[in-house]
Amino acid sequence: MSTPIEVLNPDLSHAHITAILSGEASLSLDAGHLQKVAECHEYLQKKIHDSNQLFYGINTGFGSLCNVAIEDDKISQLQVNLIRSHACGAGNIVPLNISRLILFLKIRSLSFGHSGVSAELVQRLIEMYNDDAIPVMYEQGSLGASGDLAPLAHLSLPLIGEGLVVYKSNFISGAEYLEKINKPPYSLKAKEGLALINGTQFSLAYLQASHHLADQLLSIANTTAAMSMEAFDCRLDPFHPAIHDVRRFNGQPEIATTIRHLLNDSPHMSLPRIYVQDPYSFRCIPQVHGATANAIRHIGSVIEGERNSVTDNPNVFSNLDLIISGGNFHAQPLALSSDYLAIATAELGNISERRLYLLISGQRGLEAFLTTSPGLQSGFMIAQYTAAAIVSMNKQLASPSSIDSIVSSNGQEDHVSMAANAGVKLWTIVNNVHTILAIEWMAACQAVEMKKYEISPRLKDFLERYRQYVTFVDQDRTLQPDFQHTKEFFNDQNGFLF
């Protein structure tokens, strides 16, 4: 059953974003907003025909060609040429779930009624989304300023019967899609090509999708850390409320509370501790996870602000009788946020791998590598190698993109954000952390069961459910499928989301 979503709903929930990413949403735009789009479009058309004034990208060339005037009878061809010439994407195809989100965000931005596009164009895009005909885009090609030009040009091609779409799980041409739905190619009007490609929707979609997953990973990391604490005979002292009451600013009190909740009523954790202190990867969970929680919270506010923004250029203000060329297409806020979230999420993986390393180290009554037959079997030895390799990759990927800028368009576009590159790297990092946490969870569950003692009721319930996905490793086997099954377990457990 699809989830109905009003395109300009200002309060998109976690469930709404999930529905959009999974293709389980149906979009609508209320009549009032559609009327505003139409009025803005009519104002723009009248302004063009009644004035000799030059408006960037409407009756001029683009980029450094902004001073070249275009004759009225060639304005439509100008928009078609723009889409075709800018469809220069390269690299991997954008994942289908993120492509859906890009399309939704483009519809949303155009629907605010400051882009000058027709109501018909907005309706055609909504029909494409509801038909789950998702344009094929490519990861490479955007500098994150002047809008995400190349990927959004690929998004636009199917409207004019070109490019590719994924339709009913098949790749077909834009022309074939229009034939199947018995629609002619859309005739682009003044500014519509520019409005379609000039915006931050590609960069925003990668940041939104990554933030959506990172928020879940934080909950998974907390639960996984609590299970590792049970396995490693850790102390609860570092989670005492008094410690966190005197350092409340960085999100750590909430994490400490969550860990205490997860370990509440644990028979094992209530026993006297042998070890005076635990390594930092256990003792400093509230401080490290709390800092990531703070980052996620801050970046959520940036995403919400950008979702409620118009980011193409020029902007049309019919109520003020103004058409203004500015810089809302510049994605610097998204570039900085993507880099920040990349670092913050990578750290969840970094500290997770350190806990994993300790679990297989043969300390605190645990068998080395958590094997049931040391020497004959290797157990989790190479699982830790895999986690370490992924952590190292994340460290390389987390180097910020936002500090880079390359001059383009003959010097006209002389400072760019690289938000798109930041977003693509971020998506890789959050998915990598998903895998690292899956490996730690596997090891923590293995360790707890090897010790054969009673753990907290909540963690015991999670463990029992997990064993329906992945069994105890009693002899060496290929672990790669277990990683995937563990991530499936995470995805199916709403109880992980505190």
Protein backbone atom coordinates (compact mmCIF):
# COMPACT_ATOMS: atom_id res chain seq x y z
CA MET A 1 0.00 0.00 0.00
CA SER A 2 1.48 3.34 -1.04
CA THR A 3 2.02 6.24 1.36
CA PRO A 4 0.33 9.44 0.11
CA ILE A 5 2.63 12.47 0.33
CA GLU A 6 1.72 16.05 -0.44
CA VAL A 7 4.72 17.40 -2.36
CA LEU A 8 5.12 20.53 -0.22
CA ASN A 9 4.41 18.89 3.14
CA PRO A 10 6.72 20.90 5.43
CA ASP A 11 7.03 18.09 7.99
CA LEU A 12 8.41 15.09 6.17
CA SER A 13 8.86 12.25 8.67
CA HIS A 14 11.27 9.33 8.81
CA ALA A 15 8.45 7.17 7.41
CA HIS A 16 7.87 9.59 4.52
CA ILE A 17 11.54 9.47 3.49
CA THR A 18 11.53 5.68 3.77
CA ALA A 19 8.46 5.50 1.51
CA ILE A 20 10.06 7.82 -1.07
CA LEU A 21 13.32 5.85 -1.14
CA SER A 22 11.54 2.51 -1.44
CA GLY A 23 9.10 3.60 -4.15
CA GLU A 24 6.13 3.15 -1.83
CA ALA A 25 4.98 6.78 -1.93
CA SER A 26 2.43 8.48 -4.16
CA LEU A 27 2.77 12.22 -4.70
CA SER A 28 0.16 14.94 -5.07
CA LEU A 29 0.25 18.74 -5.21
CA ASP A 30 -2.74 20.68 -3.94
CA ALA A 31 -4.60 23.01 -6.26
CA GLY A 32 -3.46 26.17 -4.47
CA HIS A 33 0.21 25.42 -4.97
CA LEU A 34 -0.40 24.35 -8.57
CA GLN A 35 -2.13 27.68 -9.18
CA LYS A 36 0.86 29.54 -7.77
CA VAL A 37 3.15 27.65 -10.16
CA ALA A 38 0.87 28.57 -13.08
CA GLU A 39 0.71 32.26 -12.10
CA CYS A 40 4.49 32.49 -11.84
CA HIS A 41 4.86 30.86 -15.26
CA GLU A 42 2.33 33.24 -16.85
CA TYR A 43 4.09 36.24 -15.32
CA LEU A 44 7.43 35.10 -16.74
CA GLN A 45 6.05 34.52 -20.23
CA LYS A 46 4.45 37.97 -20.26
CA LYS A 47 7.64 39.58 -18.98
CA ILE A 48 9.71 38.01 -21.77
CA HIS A 49 7.35 39.07 -24.54
CA ASP A 50 6.61 42.57 -23.23
CA SER A 51 10.20 43.57 -22.45
CA ASN A 52 13.51 43.94 -24.26
CA GLN A 53 15.36 43.12 -21.06
CA LEU A 54 17.84 40.22 -20.99
CA PHE A 55 17.22 37.55 -18.35
CA TYR A 56 19.96 35.01 -17.70
CA GLY A 57 19.29 31.59 -19.21
CA ILE A 58 15.84 32.67 -20.37
CA ASN A 59 16.75 34.71 -23.41
CA THR A 60 20.55 34.56 -23.06
CA GLY A 61 23.21 31.87 -23.27
CA PHE A 62 24.55 30.09 -20.20
CA GLY A 63 27.63 30.35 -17.99
CA SER A 64 30.23 32.60 -19.59
CA LEU A 65 27.85 33.00 -22.57
CA CYS A 66 25.41 34.90 -20.35
CA ASN A 67 25.71 38.10 -22.40
CA VAL A 68 24.71 36.47 -25.69
CA ALA A 69 21.10 37.35 -26.52
CA ILE A 70 18.77 34.66 -27.93
CA GLU A 71 15.98 35.50 -30.38
CA ASP A 72 12.41 34.83 -29.22
CA ASP A 73 11.73 32.13 -31.80
CA LYS A 74 14.77 30.14 -30.58
CA ILE A 75 14.05 30.23 -26.86
CA SER A 76 12.44 26.77 -26.82
CA GLN A 77 15.34 25.27 -28.80
CA LEU A 78 17.72 26.94 -26.32
CA GLN A 79 16.16 24.91 -23.48
CA VAL A 80 16.35 21.62 -25.42
CA ASN A 81 19.97 22.31 -26.34
CA LEU A 82 20.71 23.03 -22.69
CA ILE A 83 19.38 19.65 -21.54
CA ARG A 84 21.19 17.72 -24.26
CA SER A 85 24.53 19.49 -23.91
CA HIS A 86 24.58 19.19 -20.13
CA ALA A 87 23.79 15.46 -20.05
CA CYS A 88 27.47 14.62 -19.59
CA GLY A 89 27.27 12.29 -16.61
CA ALA A 90 29.86 9.58 -16.06
CA GLY A 91 30.66 6.80 -13.61
CA ASN A 92 28.23 4.49 -11.87
CA ILE A 93 24.49 4.76 -12.26
CA VAL A 94 22.88 6.49 -9.28
CA PRO A 95 21.14 3.89 -7.04
CA LEU A 96 17.43 3.66 -7.79
CA ASN A 97 16.33 4.67 -4.29
CA ILE A 98 18.40 7.85 -4.43
CA SER A 99 17.19 8.60 -7.97
CA ARG A 100 13.62 8.50 -6.66
CA LEU A 101 14.57 10.98 -3.97
CA ILE A 102 16.27 13.29 -6.48
CA LEU A 103 13.12 13.31 -8.61
CA PHE A 104 10.93 14.04 -5.57
CA LEU A 105 13.18 16.90 -4.46
CA LYS A 106 13.21 18.42 -7.94
CA ILE A 107 9.40 18.33 -8.05
CA ARG A 108 9.29 19.89 -4.59
CA SER A 109 11.63 22.76 -5.46
CA LEU A 110 9.73 23.62 -8.66
CA SER A 111 6.41 23.50 -6.80
CA PHE A 112 7.19 26.51 -4.61
CA GLY A 113 6.30 28.70 -7.59
CA HIS A 114 9.48 30.76 -7.97
CA SER A 115 11.02 28.90 -10.91
CA GLY A 116 8.79 30.07 -13.76
CA VAL A 117 7.92 26.58 -14.99
CA SER A 118 4.46 25.58 -16.11
CA ALA A 119 2.01 23.60 -14.01
CA GLU A 120 2.02 21.05 -16.84
CA LEU A 121 5.73 20.39 -16.36
CA VAL A 122 5.28 19.82 -12.63
CA GLN A 123 2.37 17.47 -13.29
CA ARG A 124 4.39 15.50 -15.84
CA LEU A 125 7.16 15.00 -13.28
CA ILE A 126 4.66 13.91 -10.62
CA GLU A 127 3.16 11.42 -13.08
CA MET A 128 6.63 10.01 -13.77
CA TYR A 129 7.27 9.56 -10.07
CA ASN A 130 3.88 7.95 -9.38
CA ASP A 131 4.39 5.68 -12.37
CA ASP A 132 7.77 4.70 -10.85
CA ALA A 133 9.45 5.71 -14.11
CA ILE A 134 12.72 6.89 -12.63
CA PRO A 135 15.29 8.65 -14.83
CA VAL A 136 18.74 7.08 -15.06
CA MET A 137 21.44 9.41 -13.74
CA TYR A 138 25.17 9.05 -13.17
CA GLU A 139 27.27 9.75 -10.10
CA GLN A 140 29.93 11.92 -11.72
CA GLY A 141 29.64 15.29 -13.40
CA SER A 142 28.40 17.84 -10.86
CA LEU A 143 30.64 20.49 -9.28
CA GLY A 144 27.95 21.38 -6.74
CA ALA A 145 27.47 24.91 -8.05
CA SER A 146 25.37 26.24 -10.92
CA GLY A 147 23.30 23.38 -9.65
CA ASP A 148 23.91 19.66 -10.10
CA LEU A 149 23.86 20.27 -13.84
CA ALA A 150 24.95 16.98 -15.40
CA PRO A 151 22.90 14.52 -13.30
CA LEU A 152 19.80 16.74 -13.42
CA ALA A 153 20.11 17.01 -17.21
CA HIS A 154 19.89 13.21 -17.32
CA LEU A 155 16.83 13.43 -15.05
CA SER A 156 15.24 15.79 -17.59
CA LEU A 157 15.95 13.86 -20.80
CA PRO A 158 12.98 11.46 -20.57
CA LEU A 159 10.59 14.42 -20.60
CA ILE A 160 11.66 15.17 -24.17
CA GLY A 161 11.77 11.50 -25.18
CA GLU A 162 15.49 10.97 -24.70
CA GLY A 163 17.77 9.35 -22.14
CA LEU A 164 16.83 6.30 -20.06
CA VAL A 165 14.38 5.41 -17.32
CA VAL A 166 13.95 2.44 -15.02
CA TYR A 167 10.34 1.41 -15.60
CA LYS A 168 8.79 -1.71 -14.11
CA SER A 169 12.31 -2.87 -13.17
CA ASN A 170 13.59 -2.55 -16.76
CA PHE A 171 15.88 -0.02 -18.40
CA ILE A 172 14.10 1.52 -21.37
CA SER A 173 14.60 4.67 -23.44
CA GLY A 174 12.73 7.86 -22.69
CA ALA A 175 11.09 7.60 -26.11
CA GLU A 176 9.88 4.06 -25.38
CA TYR A 177 8.49 5.15 -22.00
CA LEU A 178 6.48 7.99 -23.58
CA GLU A 179 5.16 5.57 -26.19
CA LYS A 180 4.06 3.13 -23.47
CA ILE A 181 2.08 5.82 -21.63
CA ASN A 182 0.83 7.39 -24.88
CA LYS A 183 2.28 10.85 -24.21
CA PRO A 184 4.13 13.16 -26.62
CA PRO A 185 7.54 14.57 -25.72
CA TYR A 186 7.18 17.62 -23.49
CA SER A 187 7.79 20.94 -25.25
CA LEU A 188 10.12 22.96 -23.05
CA LYS A 189 9.21 26.59 -22.59
CA ALA A 190 11.34 29.58 -21.61
CA LYS A 191 13.55 28.87 -18.58
CA GLU A 192 12.16 25.36 -18.04
CA GLY A 193 15.31 23.55 -19.11
CA LEU A 194 17.38 25.77 -16.85
CA ALA A 195 14.97 25.33 -13.93
CA LEU A 196 15.18 21.56 -14.33
CA ILE A 197 18.97 21.31 -14.20
CA ASN A 198 19.79 24.29 -11.97
CA GLY A 199 19.38 23.13 -8.39
CA THR A 200 20.94 21.15 -5.55
CA GLN A 201 18.66 18.10 -5.65
CA PHE A 202 21.37 15.55 -6.51
CA SER A 203 23.64 16.69 -3.67
CA LEU A 204 20.69 17.01 -1.29
CA ALA A 205 19.35 13.54 -2.09
CA TYR A 206 22.68 11.87 -1.33
CA LEU A 207 22.92 13.82 1.93
CA GLN A 208 19.28 13.06 2.85
CA ALA A 209 19.59 9.33 2.09
CA SER A 210 22.89 9.11 3.97
CA HIS A 211 21.49 11.01 6.95
CA HIS A 212 18.46 8.70 6.95
CA LEU A 213 20.73 5.64 7.18
CA ALA A 214 23.21 7.27 9.59
CA ASP A 215 20.38 7.97 12.03
CA GLN A 216 19.55 4.26 12.04
CA LEU A 217 23.23 3.32 12.31
CA LEU A 218 23.56 5.36 15.48
CA SER A 219 20.84 3.26 17.13
CA ILE A 220 22.42 0.07 15.82
CA ALA A 221 25.83 1.20 17.11
CA ASN A 222 24.41 1.82 20.59
CA THR A 223 22.78 -1.61 20.75
CA THR A 224 25.85 -3.32 19.33
CA ALA A 225 28.12 -1.53 21.81
CA ALA A 226 25.90 -2.64 24.70
CA MET A 227 26.15 -6.28 23.56
CA SER A 228 29.93 -5.94 23.29
CA MET A 229 30.01 -4.53 26.82
CA GLU A 230 28.21 -7.63 28.08
CA ALA A 231 30.74 -9.82 26.29
CA PHE A 232 33.83 -7.93 27.48
CA ASP A 233 32.89 -7.71 31.19
CA CYS A 234 32.74 -3.92 31.08
CA ARG A 235 31.92 -1.56 33.91
CA LEU A 236 28.76 0.57 33.99
CA ASP A 237 30.40 3.34 36.03
CA PRO A 238 31.31 5.45 32.95
CA PHE A 239 27.61 5.61 32.10
CA HIS A 240 26.49 7.01 35.46
CA PRO A 241 24.23 10.07 35.05
CA ALA A 242 26.42 12.22 37.29
CA ILE A 243 29.29 12.08 34.79
CA HIS A 244 27.11 13.25 31.94
CA ASP A 245 25.24 15.89 33.92
CA VAL A 246 28.48 17.87 34.07
CA ARG A 247 29.11 17.65 30.30
CA ARG A 248 25.71 17.92 28.71
CA PHE A 249 26.44 19.89 25.54
CA ASN A 250 27.62 17.19 23.16
CA GLY A 251 24.81 14.64 23.09
CA GLN A 252 26.49 12.17 25.40
CA PRO A 253 23.83 12.10 28.17
CA GLU A 254 21.27 10.64 25.75
CA ILE A 255 23.70 7.93 24.65
CA ALA A 256 24.60 7.04 28.24
CA THR A 257 20.89 6.77 29.08
CA THR A 258 20.31 4.51 26.07
CA ILE A 259 23.18 2.18 27.04
CA ARG A 260 21.92 1.95 30.63
CA HIS A 261 18.44 1.17 29.30
CA LEU A 262 19.80 -1.58 27.06
CA LEU A 263 21.75 -3.12 29.96
CA ASN A 264 19.03 -2.66 32.56
CA ASP A 265 18.35 -5.76 34.72
CA SER A 266 21.35 -7.63 33.31
CA PRO A 267 22.34 -10.33 35.85
CA HIS A 268 25.86 -10.34 34.49
CA MET A 269 26.38 -6.55 34.58
CA SER A 270 25.25 -6.44 38.22
CA LEU A 271 28.14 -8.67 39.36
CA PRO A 272 31.28 -7.11 40.91
CA ARG A 273 33.83 -6.11 38.25
CA ILE A 274 37.36 -7.50 38.21
CA TYR A 275 38.76 -4.79 35.93
CA VAL A 276 39.21 -1.27 37.28
CA GLN A 277 38.89 0.46 33.91
CA ASP A 278 37.90 -0.43 30.36
CA PRO A 279 39.58 0.64 27.12
CA TYR A 280 38.34 3.91 25.60
CA SER A 281 36.35 2.17 22.86
CA PHE A 282 34.03 0.99 25.67
CA ARG A 283 34.47 3.65 28.34
CA CYS A 284 34.01 6.59 25.93
CA ILE A 285 30.97 5.32 24.02
CA PRO A 286 28.79 8.23 25.26
CA GLN A 287 31.38 10.82 24.26
CA VAL A 288 32.08 9.38 20.78
CA HIS A 289 28.56 8.25 19.86
CA GLY A 290 27.22 11.45 21.45
CA ALA A 291 29.34 13.63 19.18
CA THR A 292 27.99 11.76 16.17
CA ALA A 293 24.45 12.18 17.50
CA ASN A 294 25.04 15.92 17.69
CA ALA A 295 26.29 15.98 14.10
CA ILE A 296 23.25 14.03 12.89
CA ARG A 297 20.92 16.42 14.71
CA HIS A 298 22.60 19.51 13.24
CA ILE A 299 22.72 18.12 9.72
CA GLY A 300 19.04 17.21 9.93
CA SER A 301 18.26 20.90 10.34
CA VAL A 302 20.38 21.77 7.29
CA ILE A 303 18.53 19.15 5.22
CA GLU A 304 15.15 20.41 6.35
CA GLY A 305 16.11 23.96 5.40
CA GLU A 306 17.31 22.92 1.95
CA ARG A 307 14.21 20.80 1.31
CA ASN A 308 12.12 23.91 1.90
CA SER A 309 14.18 26.06 -0.46
CA VAL A 310 14.16 27.13 -4.10
CA THR A 311 17.65 26.47 -5.48
CA ASP A 312 17.46 27.19 -9.19
CA ASN A 313 18.39 30.45 -10.93
CA PRO A 314 17.13 33.03 -11.80
CA ASN A 315 14.37 33.25 -9.21
CA VAL A 316 11.01 34.65 -10.21
CA PHE A 317 8.98 36.81 -7.80
CA SER A 318 5.79 37.70 -9.60
CA ASN A 319 4.36 39.48 -6.53
CA LEU A 320 7.38 41.83 -6.55
CA ASP A 321 7.64 42.09 -10.33
CA LEU A 322 11.19 40.79 -10.09
CA ILE A 323 13.32 38.25 -11.92
CA ILE A 324 16.64 38.07 -10.08
CA SER A 325 19.79 36.15 -10.94
CA GLY A 326 21.56 35.04 -7.76
CA GLY A 327 23.38 32.06 -6.33
CA ASN A 328 20.89 29.75 -4.61
CA PHE A 329 22.25 26.91 -6.74
CA HIS A 330 25.53 26.97 -4.77
CA ALA A 331 25.58 23.88 -2.57
CA GLN A 332 28.21 24.93 -0.04
CA PRO A 333 25.89 24.24 2.95
CA LEU A 334 25.39 20.70 1.64
CA ALA A 335 29.08 20.18 0.91
CA LEU A 336 30.07 21.12 4.44
CA SER A 337 27.26 19.01 5.92
CA SER A 338 28.14 15.98 3.79
CA ASP A 339 31.78 16.20 4.86
CA TYR A 340 30.76 16.63 8.51
CA LEU A 341 28.42 13.64 8.39
CA ALA A 342 31.06 11.56 6.60
CA ILE A 343 33.54 12.17 9.43
CA ALA A 344 30.94 11.68 12.17
CA THR A 345 29.62 8.41 10.71
CA ALA A 346 33.09 7.08 9.91
CA GLU A 347 33.91 7.46 13.60
CA LEU A 348 31.05 5.09 14.51
CA GLY A 349 32.81 2.52 12.35
CA ASN A 350 36.23 3.39 13.72
CA ILE A 351 35.31 2.82 17.37
CA SER A 352 33.25 -0.26 16.44
CA GLU A 353 36.27 -1.94 14.86
CA ARG A 354 38.31 -1.28 18.03
CA ARG A 355 35.68 -3.03 20.15
CA LEU A 356 35.66 -5.90 17.65
CA TYR A 357 39.44 -6.18 17.90
CA LEU A 358 39.22 -6.50 21.69
CA LEU A 359 36.48 -9.14 21.47
CA ILE A 360 38.72 -11.43 19.38
CA SER A 361 41.93 -10.66 21.31
CA GLY A 362 41.63 -13.55 23.78
CA GLN A 363 41.20 -11.27 26.79
CA ARG A 364 38.73 -11.38 29.71
CA GLY A 365 37.89 -15.05 29.45
CA LEU A 366 37.20 -15.06 25.71
CA GLU A 367 38.82 -17.52 23.33
CA ALA A 368 41.15 -15.89 20.80
CA PHE A 369 39.24 -15.11 17.58
CA LEU A 370 36.07 -16.46 19.25
CA THR A 371 36.75 -19.89 17.80
CA THR A 372 35.45 -23.12 19.32
CA SER A 373 38.59 -25.00 18.24
CA PRO A 374 41.70 -22.77 18.42
CA GLY A 375 44.38 -23.59 15.87
CA LEU A 376 42.21 -25.85 13.80
CA GLN A 377 39.81 -22.97 13.16
CA SER A 378 40.37 -19.25 12.52
CA GLY A 379 36.96 -18.05 13.75
CA PHE A 380 36.58 -14.27 13.47
CA MET A 381 40.24 -13.56 12.69
CA ILE A 382 39.69 -12.40 9.10
CA ALA A 383 36.31 -10.81 9.85
CA GLN A 384 38.31 -8.27 11.85
CA TYR A 385 40.68 -7.83 8.86
CA THR A 386 37.66 -7.00 6.72
CA ALA A 387 36.39 -4.46 9.23
CA ALA A 388 39.87 -2.91 9.48
CA ALA A 389 40.13 -2.64 5.69
CA ILE A 390 36.75 -0.90 5.51
CA VAL A 391 37.69 1.47 8.34
CA SER A 392 40.87 2.40 6.48
CA MET A 393 38.86 3.03 3.30
CA ASN A 394 36.49 5.27 5.25
CA LYS A 395 39.38 7.32 6.58
CA GLN A 396 40.50 7.96 3.02
CA LEU A 397 36.99 8.77 1.81
CA ALA A 398 36.30 11.11 4.75
CA SER A 399 38.88 13.63 3.53
CA PRO A 400 36.69 16.70 2.86
CA SER A 401 35.53 17.57 -0.63
CA SER A 402 34.28 21.01 0.39
CA ILE A 403 37.79 22.48 0.66
CA ASP A 404 38.30 21.94 -3.07
CA SER A 405 37.19 24.19 -5.92
CA ILE A 406 38.01 24.07 -9.63
CA VAL A 407 37.35 27.03 -11.92
CA SER A 408 34.87 26.25 -14.71
CA SER A 409 32.87 27.95 -17.51
CA ASN A 410 35.76 30.11 -18.66
CA GLY A 411 36.14 31.66 -15.22
CA GLN A 412 32.49 32.66 -14.75
CA GLU A 413 31.97 29.84 -12.24
CA ASP A 414 35.15 30.37 -10.26
CA HIS A 415 34.17 28.88 -6.89
CA VAL A 416 32.26 25.62 -6.64
CA SER A 417 31.29 23.49 -3.64
CA MET A 418 31.97 19.89 -4.76
CA ALA A 419 28.86 18.91 -2.77
CA ALA A 420 28.00 16.15 -5.22
CA ASN A 421 31.37 14.45 -4.76
CA ALA A 422 30.99 14.86 -1.00
CA GLY A 423 27.54 13.26 -1.13
CA VAL A 424 28.60 10.26 -3.22
CA LYS A 425 31.55 9.59 -0.88
CA LEU A 426 29.28 9.98 2.12
CA TRP A 427 26.86 7.37 0.78
CA THR A 428 29.74 4.91 0.45
CA ILE A 429 30.89 5.62 4.01
CA VAL A 430 27.51 5.11 5.68
CA ASN A 431 27.02 1.83 3.84
CA ASN A 432 30.52 0.76 4.88
CA VAL A 433 29.72 1.52 8.52
CA HIS A 434 26.59 -0.61 8.20
CA THR A 435 28.89 -3.54 7.37
CA ILE A 436 31.39 -2.79 10.16
CA LEU A 437 28.60 -2.73 12.75
CA ALA A 438 27.23 -6.00 11.38
CA ILE A 439 30.62 -7.66 11.96
CA GLU A 440 30.89 -6.30 15.51
CA TRP A 441 27.35 -7.47 16.28
CA MET A 442 28.13 -10.97 15.00
CA ALA A 443 31.25 -11.14 17.18
CA ALA A 444 29.52 -9.72 20.26
CA CYS A 445 26.69 -12.26 20.01
CA GLN A 446 29.22 -15.07 19.50
CA ALA A 447 31.21 -13.92 22.55
CA VAL A 448 28.16 -13.65 24.82
CA GLU A 449 26.99 -17.14 23.91
CA MET A 450 30.46 -18.58 24.44
CA LYS A 451 30.47 -17.21 27.99
CA LYS A 452 27.08 -18.80 28.72
CA TYR A 453 25.79 -16.21 31.20
CA GLU A 454 22.58 -14.27 31.52
CA ILE A 455 22.47 -10.91 29.81
CA SER A 456 19.91 -8.11 29.91
CA PRO A 457 16.37 -9.12 28.90
CA ARG A 458 16.31 -6.61 26.05
CA LEU A 459 19.61 -7.79 24.56
CA LYS A 460 18.63 -11.41 25.11
CA ASP A 461 15.48 -10.78 23.06
CA PHE A 462 17.53 -9.24 20.25
CA LEU A 463 19.94 -12.17 20.32
CA GLU A 464 17.15 -14.73 20.10
CA ARG A 465 15.63 -12.93 17.13
CA TYR A 466 19.05 -12.60 15.49
CA ARG A 467 19.63 -16.34 15.64
CA GLN A 468 16.73 -16.73 13.19
CA TYR A 469 18.94 -14.91 10.65
CA VAL A 470 22.46 -16.06 11.55
CA THR A 471 23.42 -19.11 13.61
CA PHE A 472 26.25 -19.48 16.12
CA VAL A 473 29.61 -20.05 14.41
CA ASP A 474 30.55 -23.46 15.83
CA GLN A 475 32.99 -24.25 13.02
CA ASP A 476 34.68 -22.26 10.27
CA ARG A 477 32.40 -21.25 7.41
CA THR A 478 32.11 -18.51 4.81
CA LEU A 479 31.09 -15.44 6.81
CA GLN A 480 30.31 -13.04 3.96
CA PRO A 481 26.66 -14.17 3.64
CA ASP A 482 26.32 -13.73 7.42
CA PHE A 483 27.31 -10.07 7.10
CA GLN A 484 24.45 -9.50 4.68
CA HIS A 485 21.96 -11.46 6.77
CA THR A 486 23.01 -9.43 9.82
CA LYS A 487 22.28 -6.18 7.99
CA GLU A 488 18.90 -7.60 7.00
CA PHE A 489 18.29 -8.33 10.69
CA PHE A 490 19.16 -4.72 11.53
CA ASN A 491 16.75 -3.46 8.89
CA ASP A 492 13.92 -5.62 10.23
CA GLN A 493 14.32 -4.68 13.91
CA ASN A 494 12.43 -1.50 14.73
CA GLY A 495 13.41 -2.09 18.32
CA PHE A 496 16.94 -0.99 17.51
CA LEU A 497 15.63 2.53 16.91
CA PHE A 498 15.50 4.20 20.31
